[in-house]
Amino acid sequence: MAETDFPLSGVRFVKRIVIGNQDPSRMASDGEIEKAMELLNRCLTEMPRGVIIGVEKGFSLLNIGEHQVVLQHTVYQVGFQRKPLWLE
């Protein structure tokens, strides 16, 4: 199914997947970020195949001593016509 053939009115389930560091008080490990990317890829490739219907991008500024660190995250909303059985 091509993305142009996926009407938004057919979306019955939306999975929100956060990739990156959303909470400055709890840093995501590389393993957690890798798992989130694997889940996103699975949502876009396995049946029933999802389609990205929205993207949020955000950041937080964190001061550590004299240094300023930018924490970035991206949130993907993946829409499905029905909830996949393999999603918990």
N, C-alpha and C. Protein backbone atom coordinates (compact mmCIF):
# COMPACT_ATOMS: atom_id res chain seq x y z
N MET A 1 0.84 -1.16 0.00
CA MET A 1 0.00 0.00 0.00
C MET A 1 0.89 1.24 0.00
N ALA A 2 0.67 2.13 -0.93
CA ALA A 2 1.44 3.36 -1.00
C ALA A 2 0.94 4.33 0.08
N GLU A 3 1.82 5.24 0.48
CA GLU A 3 1.43 6.19 1.53
C GLU A 3 0.27 7.07 1.08
N THR A 4 0.17 7.36 -0.21
CA THR A 4 -0.91 8.20 -0.68
C THR A 4 -2.25 7.48 -0.62
N ASP A 5 -2.26 6.14 -0.51
CA ASP A 5 -3.49 5.37 -0.44
C ASP A 5 -3.96 5.17 0.99
N PHE A 6 -3.32 5.78 1.96
CA PHE A 6 -3.65 5.58 3.37
C PHE A 6 -4.42 6.80 3.87
N PRO A 7 -5.75 6.70 3.91
CA PRO A 7 -6.53 7.86 4.39
C PRO A 7 -6.46 7.98 5.91
N LEU A 8 -6.35 9.19 6.40
CA LEU A 8 -6.29 9.39 7.85
C LEU A 8 -7.59 8.97 8.53
N SER A 9 -8.68 8.95 7.80
CA SER A 9 -9.95 8.52 8.39
C SER A 9 -9.94 7.03 8.71
N GLY A 10 -8.99 6.29 8.12
CA GLY A 10 -8.88 4.86 8.38
C GLY A 10 -8.02 4.52 9.58
N VAL A 11 -7.40 5.51 10.20
CA VAL A 11 -6.52 5.27 11.35
C VAL A 11 -7.38 4.96 12.57
N ARG A 12 -7.15 3.79 13.16
CA ARG A 12 -7.88 3.38 14.35
C ARG A 12 -6.97 3.22 15.56
N PHE A 13 -5.65 3.19 15.33
CA PHE A 13 -4.69 3.03 16.42
C PHE A 13 -3.45 3.84 16.10
N VAL A 14 -2.95 4.58 17.09
CA VAL A 14 -1.74 5.40 16.93
C VAL A 14 -0.74 4.99 18.00
N LYS A 15 0.46 4.66 17.56
CA LYS A 15 1.56 4.33 18.47
C LYS A 15 2.53 5.51 18.50
N ARG A 16 2.84 5.99 19.69
CA ARG A 16 3.76 7.12 19.87
C ARG A 16 5.11 6.56 20.27
N ILE A 17 6.15 6.86 19.49
CA ILE A 17 7.48 6.32 19.73
C ILE A 17 8.45 7.49 19.93
N VAL A 18 9.09 7.54 21.10
CA VAL A 18 10.04 8.61 21.43
C VAL A 18 11.44 8.09 21.18
N ILE A 19 12.21 8.84 20.40
CA ILE A 19 13.60 8.50 20.14
C ILE A 19 14.46 9.67 20.62
N GLY A 20 15.29 9.42 21.61
CA GLY A 20 16.15 10.45 22.16
C GLY A 20 15.88 10.67 23.63
N ASN A 21 16.38 11.76 24.16
CA ASN A 21 16.27 12.09 25.58
C ASN A 21 15.17 13.11 25.80
N GLN A 22 14.03 12.64 26.26
CA GLN A 22 12.89 13.51 26.48
C GLN A 22 12.89 14.12 27.89
N ASP A 23 13.44 13.39 28.85
CA ASP A 23 13.43 13.83 30.24
C ASP A 23 14.86 14.06 30.71
N PRO A 24 15.24 15.32 31.02
CA PRO A 24 16.62 15.58 31.44
C PRO A 24 16.99 14.90 32.75
N SER A 25 16.02 14.58 33.60
CA SER A 25 16.35 13.95 34.87
C SER A 25 16.61 12.44 34.71
N ARG A 26 16.19 11.86 33.58
CA ARG A 26 16.43 10.44 33.32
C ARG A 26 16.93 10.30 31.89
N MET A 27 18.23 10.17 31.77
CA MET A 27 18.86 10.08 30.44
C MET A 27 18.61 8.69 29.85
N ALA A 28 18.25 8.66 28.58
CA ALA A 28 18.04 7.39 27.88
C ALA A 28 19.40 6.81 27.49
N SER A 29 19.56 5.51 27.69
CA SER A 29 20.82 4.86 27.32
C SER A 29 20.82 4.59 25.81
N ASP A 30 21.98 4.26 25.30
CA ASP A 30 22.09 3.93 23.88
C ASP A 30 21.22 2.72 23.54
N GLY A 31 21.13 1.77 24.46
CA GLY A 31 20.31 0.59 24.25
C GLY A 31 18.82 0.93 24.13
N GLU A 32 18.35 1.84 24.98
CA GLU A 32 16.95 2.26 24.92
C GLU A 32 16.64 2.98 23.62
N ILE A 33 17.55 3.83 23.18
CA ILE A 33 17.35 4.54 21.92
C ILE A 33 17.36 3.56 20.75
N GLU A 34 18.24 2.59 20.80
CA GLU A 34 18.32 1.55 19.76
C GLU A 34 17.03 0.74 19.70
N LYS A 35 16.48 0.38 20.88
CA LYS A 35 15.21 -0.37 20.92
C LYS A 35 14.06 0.44 20.32
N ALA A 36 14.03 1.75 20.61
CA ALA A 36 12.99 2.61 20.07
C ALA A 36 13.09 2.68 18.54
N MET A 37 14.31 2.76 18.02
CA MET A 37 14.50 2.79 16.56
C MET A 37 14.09 1.48 15.92
N GLU A 38 14.39 0.36 16.59
CA GLU A 38 13.98 -0.95 16.08
C GLU A 38 12.46 -1.07 16.07
N LEU A 39 11.79 -0.55 17.10
CA LEU A 39 10.33 -0.58 17.14
C LEU A 39 9.75 0.26 16.02
N LEU A 40 10.32 1.44 15.76
CA LEU A 40 9.84 2.29 14.68
C LEU A 40 9.99 1.58 13.34
N ASN A 41 11.15 0.97 13.11
CA ASN A 41 11.35 0.23 11.86
C ASN A 41 10.39 -0.94 11.73
N ARG A 42 10.12 -1.62 12.83
CA ARG A 42 9.18 -2.74 12.80
C ARG A 42 7.76 -2.24 12.47
N CYS A 43 7.37 -1.11 13.06
CA CYS A 43 6.05 -0.54 12.80
C CYS A 43 5.88 -0.16 11.33
N LEU A 44 6.97 0.25 10.68
CA LEU A 44 6.88 0.71 9.30
C LEU A 44 7.07 -0.40 8.27
N THR A 45 7.52 -1.59 8.70
CA THR A 45 7.81 -2.64 7.73
C THR A 45 6.94 -3.89 7.88
N GLU A 46 6.56 -4.24 9.12
CA GLU A 46 5.80 -5.48 9.32
C GLU A 46 4.31 -5.24 9.14
N MET A 47 3.58 -6.32 8.91
CA MET A 47 2.14 -6.23 8.71
C MET A 47 1.43 -6.27 10.05
N PRO A 48 0.42 -5.51 10.30
CA PRO A 48 -0.08 -4.45 9.45
C PRO A 48 0.88 -3.27 9.46
N ARG A 49 1.15 -2.75 8.29
CA ARG A 49 2.15 -1.71 8.13
C ARG A 49 1.59 -0.36 8.56
N GLY A 50 2.35 0.34 9.37
CA GLY A 50 1.94 1.66 9.83
C GLY A 50 2.50 2.76 8.94
N VAL A 51 1.96 3.94 9.11
CA VAL A 51 2.39 5.12 8.36
C VAL A 51 2.63 6.24 9.36
N ILE A 52 3.71 6.98 9.17
CA ILE A 52 4.00 8.12 10.05
C ILE A 52 2.98 9.21 9.73
N ILE A 53 2.19 9.57 10.75
CA ILE A 53 1.16 10.59 10.54
C ILE A 53 1.52 11.90 11.24
N GLY A 54 2.55 11.87 12.08
CA GLY A 54 2.97 13.10 12.76
C GLY A 54 4.35 12.95 13.33
N VAL A 55 5.07 14.08 13.44
CA VAL A 55 6.41 14.10 14.01
C VAL A 55 6.51 15.31 14.93
N GLU A 56 6.97 15.07 16.15
CA GLU A 56 7.25 16.15 17.09
C GLU A 56 8.77 16.19 17.31
N LYS A 57 9.31 17.38 17.37
CA LYS A 57 10.74 17.51 17.68
C LYS A 57 10.86 18.46 18.87
N GLY A 58 11.71 18.09 19.81
CA GLY A 58 11.89 18.93 20.98
C GLY A 58 13.30 18.87 21.50
N PHE A 59 13.60 19.81 22.39
CA PHE A 59 14.93 19.82 22.98
C PHE A 59 14.85 20.42 24.37
N SER A 60 15.87 20.14 25.16
CA SER A 60 16.01 20.70 26.51
C SER A 60 17.44 21.18 26.66
N LEU A 61 17.60 22.31 27.31
CA LEU A 61 18.93 22.82 27.62
C LEU A 61 19.26 22.44 29.04
N LEU A 62 20.43 21.88 29.22
CA LEU A 62 20.87 21.41 30.54
C LEU A 62 22.21 22.05 30.84
N ASN A 63 22.31 22.72 31.99
CA ASN A 63 23.56 23.33 32.40
C ASN A 63 24.30 22.40 33.34
N ILE A 64 25.51 22.03 32.94
CA ILE A 64 26.38 21.19 33.76
C ILE A 64 27.65 21.99 34.02
N GLY A 65 27.72 22.58 35.20
CA GLY A 65 28.86 23.45 35.50
C GLY A 65 28.85 24.65 34.58
N GLU A 66 29.94 24.84 33.87
CA GLU A 66 30.04 25.96 32.93
C GLU A 66 29.58 25.58 31.53
N HIS A 67 29.23 24.32 31.34
CA HIS A 67 28.87 23.83 30.01
C HIS A 67 27.35 23.75 29.86
N GLN A 68 26.92 23.97 28.65
CA GLN A 68 25.50 23.85 28.32
C GLN A 68 25.34 22.69 27.35
N VAL A 69 24.44 21.75 27.69
CA VAL A 69 24.22 20.56 26.88
C VAL A 69 22.80 20.61 26.32
N VAL A 70 22.65 20.27 25.06
CA VAL A 70 21.35 20.23 24.41
C VAL A 70 20.91 18.78 24.29
N LEU A 71 19.76 18.45 24.87
CA LEU A 71 19.18 17.12 24.74
C LEU A 71 18.06 17.21 23.72
N GLN A 72 18.13 16.36 22.70
CA GLN A 72 17.13 16.39 21.65
C GLN A 72 16.34 15.09 21.63
N HIS A 73 15.09 15.19 21.19
CA HIS A 73 14.28 14.00 21.00
C HIS A 73 13.32 14.22 19.83
N THR A 74 12.93 13.14 19.24
CA THR A 74 11.95 13.15 18.16
C THR A 74 10.88 12.13 18.51
N VAL A 75 9.63 12.52 18.35
CA VAL A 75 8.51 11.64 18.64
C VAL A 75 7.78 11.38 17.33
N TYR A 76 7.63 10.11 17.00
CA TYR A 76 6.91 9.71 15.79
C TYR A 76 5.56 9.16 16.19
N GLN A 77 4.50 9.63 15.53
CA GLN A 77 3.18 9.04 15.68
C GLN A 77 2.94 8.17 14.46
N VAL A 78 2.81 6.87 14.70
CA VAL A 78 2.62 5.92 13.62
C VAL A 78 1.17 5.46 13.67
N GLY A 79 0.45 5.66 12.56
CA GLY A 79 -0.95 5.29 12.50
C GLY A 79 -1.15 3.93 11.84
N PHE A 80 -2.08 3.16 12.39
CA PHE A 80 -2.42 1.84 11.86
C PHE A 80 -3.93 1.77 11.63
N GLN A 81 -4.34 0.94 10.68
CA GLN A 81 -5.76 0.72 10.47
C GLN A 81 -6.33 -0.16 11.57
N ARG A 82 -5.49 -0.99 12.17
CA ARG A 82 -5.88 -1.79 13.33
C ARG A 82 -4.62 -2.01 14.17
N LYS A 83 -4.81 -2.29 15.46
CA LYS A 83 -3.67 -2.48 16.35
C LYS A 83 -2.97 -3.78 16.02
N PRO A 84 -1.65 -3.74 15.76
CA PRO A 84 -0.91 -4.97 15.49
C PRO A 84 -0.90 -5.90 16.70
N LEU A 85 -1.00 -7.17 16.45
CA LEU A 85 -1.01 -8.16 17.54
C LEU A 85 0.35 -8.20 18.25
N TRP A 86 1.44 -7.89 17.54
CA TRP A 86 2.77 -7.97 18.12
C TRP A 86 3.10 -6.77 19.00
N LEU A 87 2.24 -5.74 19.05
CA LEU A 87 2.46 -4.61 19.95
C LEU A 87 1.84 -4.93 21.30
N GLU A 88 2.55 -4.62 22.35
CA GLU A 88 2.04 -4.89 23.70
C GLU A 88 0.99 -3.86 24.07
